N, C-alpha and C. Protein backbone atom coordinates (compact mmCIF):
# COMPACT_ATOMS: atom_id res chain seq x y z
N MET A 1 7.75 -11.20 -8.64
CA MET A 1 7.37 -12.04 -7.53
C MET A 1 8.44 -11.97 -6.45
N ASP A 2 8.02 -12.19 -5.24
CA ASP A 2 8.94 -12.17 -4.12
C ASP A 2 8.94 -13.55 -3.50
N LYS A 3 10.09 -13.95 -3.00
CA LYS A 3 10.22 -15.24 -2.32
C LYS A 3 10.27 -15.02 -0.83
N VAL A 4 9.56 -15.87 -0.10
CA VAL A 4 9.61 -15.87 1.35
C VAL A 4 10.04 -17.25 1.77
N LYS A 5 11.10 -17.33 2.55
CA LYS A 5 11.56 -18.64 3.01
C LYS A 5 10.77 -19.02 4.24
N SER A 6 10.31 -20.24 4.26
CA SER A 6 9.56 -20.78 5.37
C SER A 6 10.18 -22.13 5.71
N GLY A 7 11.13 -22.13 6.63
CA GLY A 7 11.83 -23.37 6.94
C GLY A 7 12.67 -23.78 5.76
N GLU A 8 12.45 -24.98 5.27
CA GLU A 8 13.20 -25.50 4.13
C GLU A 8 12.54 -25.15 2.80
N ARG A 9 11.35 -24.64 2.85
CA ARG A 9 10.60 -24.35 1.63
C ARG A 9 10.61 -22.86 1.32
N SER A 10 10.36 -22.53 0.07
CA SER A 10 10.20 -21.12 -0.27
C SER A 10 8.83 -20.94 -0.92
N ILE A 11 8.28 -19.76 -0.72
CA ILE A 11 6.96 -19.44 -1.22
C ILE A 11 7.11 -18.24 -2.15
N ARG A 12 6.46 -18.28 -3.29
CA ARG A 12 6.48 -17.15 -4.22
C ARG A 12 5.17 -16.38 -4.07
N ILE A 13 5.32 -15.09 -3.89
CA ILE A 13 4.15 -14.22 -3.76
C ILE A 13 4.20 -13.22 -4.90
N SER A 14 3.15 -13.19 -5.69
CA SER A 14 3.14 -12.31 -6.87
C SER A 14 2.98 -10.85 -6.45
N ASP A 15 3.46 -9.97 -7.31
CA ASP A 15 3.31 -8.53 -7.08
C ASP A 15 1.83 -8.15 -7.01
N GLU A 16 0.99 -8.85 -7.77
CA GLU A 16 -0.44 -8.57 -7.75
C GLU A 16 -1.04 -8.82 -6.37
N VAL A 17 -0.60 -9.89 -5.72
CA VAL A 17 -1.09 -10.20 -4.38
C VAL A 17 -0.61 -9.13 -3.40
N LEU A 18 0.65 -8.74 -3.50
CA LEU A 18 1.19 -7.71 -2.62
C LEU A 18 0.45 -6.39 -2.81
N CYS A 19 0.14 -6.04 -4.07
CA CYS A 19 -0.63 -4.83 -4.36
C CYS A 19 -2.02 -4.90 -3.76
N LYS A 20 -2.64 -6.05 -3.86
CA LYS A 20 -4.00 -6.22 -3.33
C LYS A 20 -4.02 -6.08 -1.81
N VAL A 21 -3.05 -6.69 -1.14
CA VAL A 21 -2.96 -6.58 0.32
C VAL A 21 -2.75 -5.13 0.72
N ALA A 22 -1.84 -4.45 0.04
CA ALA A 22 -1.57 -3.05 0.35
C ALA A 22 -2.78 -2.16 0.10
N SER A 23 -3.50 -2.40 -1.00
CA SER A 23 -4.67 -1.57 -1.30
C SER A 23 -5.80 -1.80 -0.31
N LEU A 24 -6.02 -3.04 0.09
CA LEU A 24 -7.05 -3.32 1.08
C LEU A 24 -6.72 -2.66 2.41
N ALA A 25 -5.46 -2.70 2.80
CA ALA A 25 -5.03 -2.08 4.06
C ALA A 25 -5.21 -0.57 4.00
N ALA A 26 -4.84 0.05 2.90
CA ALA A 26 -4.96 1.51 2.78
C ALA A 26 -6.41 1.96 2.83
N ARG A 27 -7.30 1.18 2.24
CA ARG A 27 -8.73 1.54 2.23
C ARG A 27 -9.35 1.51 3.62
N GLU A 28 -8.74 0.74 4.53
CA GLU A 28 -9.26 0.62 5.90
C GLU A 28 -8.97 1.86 6.75
N VAL A 29 -8.04 2.68 6.32
CA VAL A 29 -7.62 3.83 7.11
C VAL A 29 -8.68 4.93 7.05
N GLU A 30 -9.05 5.43 8.22
CA GLU A 30 -10.04 6.51 8.29
C GLU A 30 -9.49 7.75 7.62
N GLY A 31 -10.29 8.35 6.76
CA GLY A 31 -9.89 9.54 6.04
C GLY A 31 -9.57 9.28 4.57
N VAL A 32 -9.45 8.00 4.20
CA VAL A 32 -9.19 7.65 2.80
C VAL A 32 -10.53 7.53 2.09
N ALA A 33 -10.74 8.36 1.06
CA ALA A 33 -11.98 8.28 0.27
C ALA A 33 -11.88 7.10 -0.69
N HIS A 34 -10.77 7.02 -1.42
CA HIS A 34 -10.52 5.91 -2.33
C HIS A 34 -9.10 5.99 -2.85
N LEU A 35 -8.68 4.94 -3.53
CA LEU A 35 -7.37 4.92 -4.16
C LEU A 35 -7.47 5.63 -5.50
N ALA A 36 -6.36 6.20 -5.96
CA ALA A 36 -6.39 6.98 -7.20
C ALA A 36 -5.21 6.60 -8.07
N SER A 37 -5.46 6.51 -9.37
CA SER A 37 -4.36 6.33 -10.30
C SER A 37 -3.90 7.70 -10.76
N SER A 38 -2.64 7.78 -11.18
CA SER A 38 -2.13 9.08 -11.60
C SER A 38 -2.07 9.18 -13.12
N GLY A 39 -2.78 8.31 -13.79
CA GLY A 39 -2.81 8.35 -15.25
C GLY A 39 -3.49 7.11 -15.79
N ILE A 40 -3.65 7.04 -17.08
CA ILE A 40 -4.36 5.93 -17.71
C ILE A 40 -3.67 4.60 -17.46
N MET A 41 -2.35 4.60 -17.53
CA MET A 41 -1.59 3.35 -17.41
C MET A 41 -1.03 3.11 -16.00
N THR A 42 -1.33 3.97 -15.03
CA THR A 42 -0.74 3.87 -13.71
C THR A 42 -1.75 3.34 -12.71
N ALA A 43 -1.39 2.25 -12.07
CA ALA A 43 -2.25 1.66 -11.04
C ALA A 43 -2.10 2.45 -9.74
N PRO A 44 -3.11 2.39 -8.87
CA PRO A 44 -3.03 3.14 -7.62
C PRO A 44 -1.97 2.60 -6.64
N VAL A 45 -1.58 1.35 -6.81
CA VAL A 45 -0.55 0.76 -5.95
C VAL A 45 0.52 0.15 -6.82
N SER A 46 1.77 0.45 -6.51
CA SER A 46 2.88 -0.18 -7.22
C SER A 46 3.87 -0.73 -6.21
N ILE A 47 4.54 -1.80 -6.63
CA ILE A 47 5.49 -2.52 -5.79
C ILE A 47 6.84 -2.52 -6.47
N GLU A 48 7.87 -2.25 -5.70
CA GLU A 48 9.23 -2.37 -6.20
C GLU A 48 9.94 -3.43 -5.37
N ASN A 49 10.43 -4.47 -6.03
CA ASN A 49 11.13 -5.55 -5.34
C ASN A 49 12.54 -5.09 -5.02
N LEU A 50 12.92 -5.18 -3.74
CA LEU A 50 14.23 -4.76 -3.29
C LEU A 50 15.09 -5.95 -2.87
N GLY A 51 14.82 -7.12 -3.43
CA GLY A 51 15.60 -8.30 -3.10
C GLY A 51 15.31 -8.83 -1.71
N GLY A 52 14.13 -9.35 -1.49
CA GLY A 52 13.74 -9.89 -0.19
C GLY A 52 12.83 -8.96 0.59
N ALA A 53 12.78 -7.71 0.21
CA ALA A 53 11.88 -6.73 0.81
C ALA A 53 11.25 -5.95 -0.33
N ILE A 54 10.26 -5.13 0.00
CA ILE A 54 9.60 -4.35 -1.05
C ILE A 54 9.45 -2.89 -0.63
N ALA A 55 9.27 -2.05 -1.63
CA ALA A 55 8.86 -0.66 -1.44
C ALA A 55 7.49 -0.53 -2.09
N VAL A 56 6.57 0.08 -1.41
CA VAL A 56 5.20 0.23 -1.88
C VAL A 56 4.92 1.71 -2.12
N THR A 57 4.27 2.03 -3.22
CA THR A 57 3.78 3.38 -3.47
C THR A 57 2.27 3.31 -3.63
N ILE A 58 1.57 4.13 -2.86
CA ILE A 58 0.10 4.13 -2.88
C ILE A 58 -0.38 5.54 -3.17
N ARG A 59 -1.30 5.66 -4.13
CA ARG A 59 -1.90 6.94 -4.47
C ARG A 59 -3.34 6.96 -3.94
N VAL A 60 -3.66 7.99 -3.14
CA VAL A 60 -4.96 8.04 -2.49
C VAL A 60 -5.63 9.40 -2.69
N VAL A 61 -6.94 9.39 -2.54
CA VAL A 61 -7.74 10.61 -2.45
C VAL A 61 -8.30 10.61 -1.03
N LEU A 62 -8.14 11.74 -0.36
CA LEU A 62 -8.60 11.86 1.02
C LEU A 62 -10.01 12.41 1.09
N LYS A 63 -10.68 12.11 2.19
CA LYS A 63 -11.96 12.74 2.49
C LYS A 63 -11.66 14.13 3.04
N SER A 64 -12.55 15.07 2.77
CA SER A 64 -12.34 16.42 3.29
C SER A 64 -12.43 16.40 4.82
N GLY A 65 -11.67 17.30 5.43
CA GLY A 65 -11.70 17.41 6.89
C GLY A 65 -10.62 16.60 7.59
N TYR A 66 -9.81 15.85 6.85
CA TYR A 66 -8.75 15.04 7.45
C TYR A 66 -7.40 15.65 7.11
N ARG A 67 -6.48 15.59 8.06
CA ARG A 67 -5.12 16.10 7.83
C ARG A 67 -4.35 15.09 6.99
N ALA A 68 -3.78 15.55 5.89
CA ALA A 68 -3.06 14.67 4.96
C ALA A 68 -1.90 13.95 5.64
N VAL A 69 -1.13 14.67 6.44
CA VAL A 69 0.04 14.06 7.09
C VAL A 69 -0.38 12.95 8.05
N THR A 70 -1.43 13.20 8.81
CA THR A 70 -1.91 12.21 9.78
C THR A 70 -2.40 10.96 9.07
N VAL A 71 -3.20 11.14 8.03
CA VAL A 71 -3.74 10.00 7.28
C VAL A 71 -2.61 9.24 6.58
N ALA A 72 -1.67 9.96 5.99
CA ALA A 72 -0.56 9.32 5.28
C ALA A 72 0.28 8.47 6.23
N LYS A 73 0.56 8.98 7.42
CA LYS A 73 1.33 8.21 8.41
C LYS A 73 0.58 6.94 8.81
N GLN A 74 -0.74 7.06 8.98
CA GLN A 74 -1.54 5.89 9.34
C GLN A 74 -1.55 4.87 8.21
N ILE A 75 -1.62 5.34 6.97
CA ILE A 75 -1.55 4.43 5.82
C ILE A 75 -0.21 3.70 5.82
N GLN A 76 0.88 4.42 6.05
CA GLN A 76 2.20 3.79 6.07
C GLN A 76 2.26 2.68 7.11
N GLN A 77 1.80 2.96 8.32
CA GLN A 77 1.84 1.97 9.39
C GLN A 77 0.95 0.77 9.09
N THR A 78 -0.27 1.05 8.63
CA THR A 78 -1.24 -0.02 8.38
C THR A 78 -0.78 -0.92 7.24
N VAL A 79 -0.32 -0.31 6.15
CA VAL A 79 0.13 -1.11 5.00
C VAL A 79 1.34 -1.95 5.36
N LYS A 80 2.30 -1.34 6.01
CA LYS A 80 3.52 -2.07 6.40
C LYS A 80 3.17 -3.28 7.26
N GLN A 81 2.31 -3.08 8.26
CA GLN A 81 1.93 -4.16 9.16
C GLN A 81 1.11 -5.23 8.45
N SER A 82 0.17 -4.83 7.60
CA SER A 82 -0.68 -5.78 6.90
C SER A 82 0.11 -6.65 5.92
N VAL A 83 1.02 -6.03 5.17
CA VAL A 83 1.85 -6.79 4.24
C VAL A 83 2.69 -7.80 5.00
N GLN A 84 3.30 -7.38 6.09
CA GLN A 84 4.13 -8.27 6.90
C GLN A 84 3.29 -9.42 7.48
N ASP A 85 2.14 -9.09 8.06
CA ASP A 85 1.29 -10.10 8.70
C ASP A 85 0.72 -11.10 7.70
N MET A 86 0.27 -10.62 6.54
CA MET A 86 -0.42 -11.50 5.59
C MET A 86 0.51 -12.28 4.67
N THR A 87 1.70 -11.72 4.40
CA THR A 87 2.57 -12.37 3.42
C THR A 87 3.94 -12.75 3.96
N GLY A 88 4.36 -12.15 5.05
CA GLY A 88 5.70 -12.38 5.58
C GLY A 88 6.77 -11.56 4.88
N VAL A 89 6.38 -10.72 3.94
CA VAL A 89 7.31 -9.87 3.21
C VAL A 89 7.44 -8.54 3.95
N THR A 90 8.66 -8.05 4.08
CA THR A 90 8.90 -6.78 4.75
C THR A 90 8.77 -5.63 3.77
N ALA A 91 7.93 -4.68 4.13
CA ALA A 91 7.80 -3.44 3.34
C ALA A 91 8.69 -2.41 4.01
N VAL A 92 9.86 -2.16 3.43
CA VAL A 92 10.80 -1.22 4.04
C VAL A 92 10.41 0.22 3.79
N ASN A 93 9.74 0.50 2.69
CA ASN A 93 9.27 1.85 2.37
C ASN A 93 7.80 1.77 1.95
N VAL A 94 7.00 2.65 2.51
CA VAL A 94 5.62 2.83 2.05
C VAL A 94 5.47 4.31 1.73
N ASN A 95 5.43 4.61 0.45
CA ASN A 95 5.30 5.99 -0.02
C ASN A 95 3.83 6.28 -0.32
N VAL A 96 3.34 7.39 0.21
CA VAL A 96 1.94 7.76 0.01
C VAL A 96 1.89 9.05 -0.80
N GLU A 97 1.15 9.00 -1.90
CA GLU A 97 0.94 10.19 -2.72
C GLU A 97 -0.53 10.59 -2.60
N VAL A 98 -0.78 11.77 -2.07
CA VAL A 98 -2.15 12.27 -1.96
C VAL A 98 -2.48 12.97 -3.28
N SER A 99 -3.41 12.38 -4.02
CA SER A 99 -3.76 12.87 -5.35
C SER A 99 -4.89 13.88 -5.36
N GLY A 100 -5.62 13.95 -4.26
CA GLY A 100 -6.73 14.88 -4.22
C GLY A 100 -7.52 14.78 -2.94
N VAL A 101 -8.57 15.58 -2.85
CA VAL A 101 -9.47 15.60 -1.72
C VAL A 101 -10.89 15.50 -2.25
N GLU A 102 -11.68 14.65 -1.65
CA GLU A 102 -13.07 14.48 -2.05
C GLU A 102 -13.94 15.24 -1.07
N PHE A 103 -14.69 16.19 -1.58
CA PHE A 103 -15.56 17.01 -0.74
C PHE A 103 -16.96 16.42 -0.74
N ASP A 104 -17.63 16.54 0.40
CA ASP A 104 -19.02 16.07 0.51
C ASP A 104 -19.90 16.93 -0.37
N ALA A 105 -20.84 16.28 -1.04
CA ALA A 105 -21.72 17.03 -1.94
C ALA A 105 -22.92 17.57 -1.22
């Protein structure tokens, strides 16, 4: 969990909430087909607490026809901004792993 100070009070935000915010933001980016896990026990989004800030790792599958670098940069910007806006927690690193490409059938 991460703590966010709000005046005299502190708020605890669970890693699950941070993961959910990050995953929703990543799905909004054009060119993302869906989120992908890299194994049976690995979730598509992981959070590392850096003591007041977080690092996010997101695994995605892209739609065919989109440039991976362009989509990844947009995911980084969107996730960072969404996490900050919705929770007040700073995402200092947003790492994007492109796990595959989904081709139209």
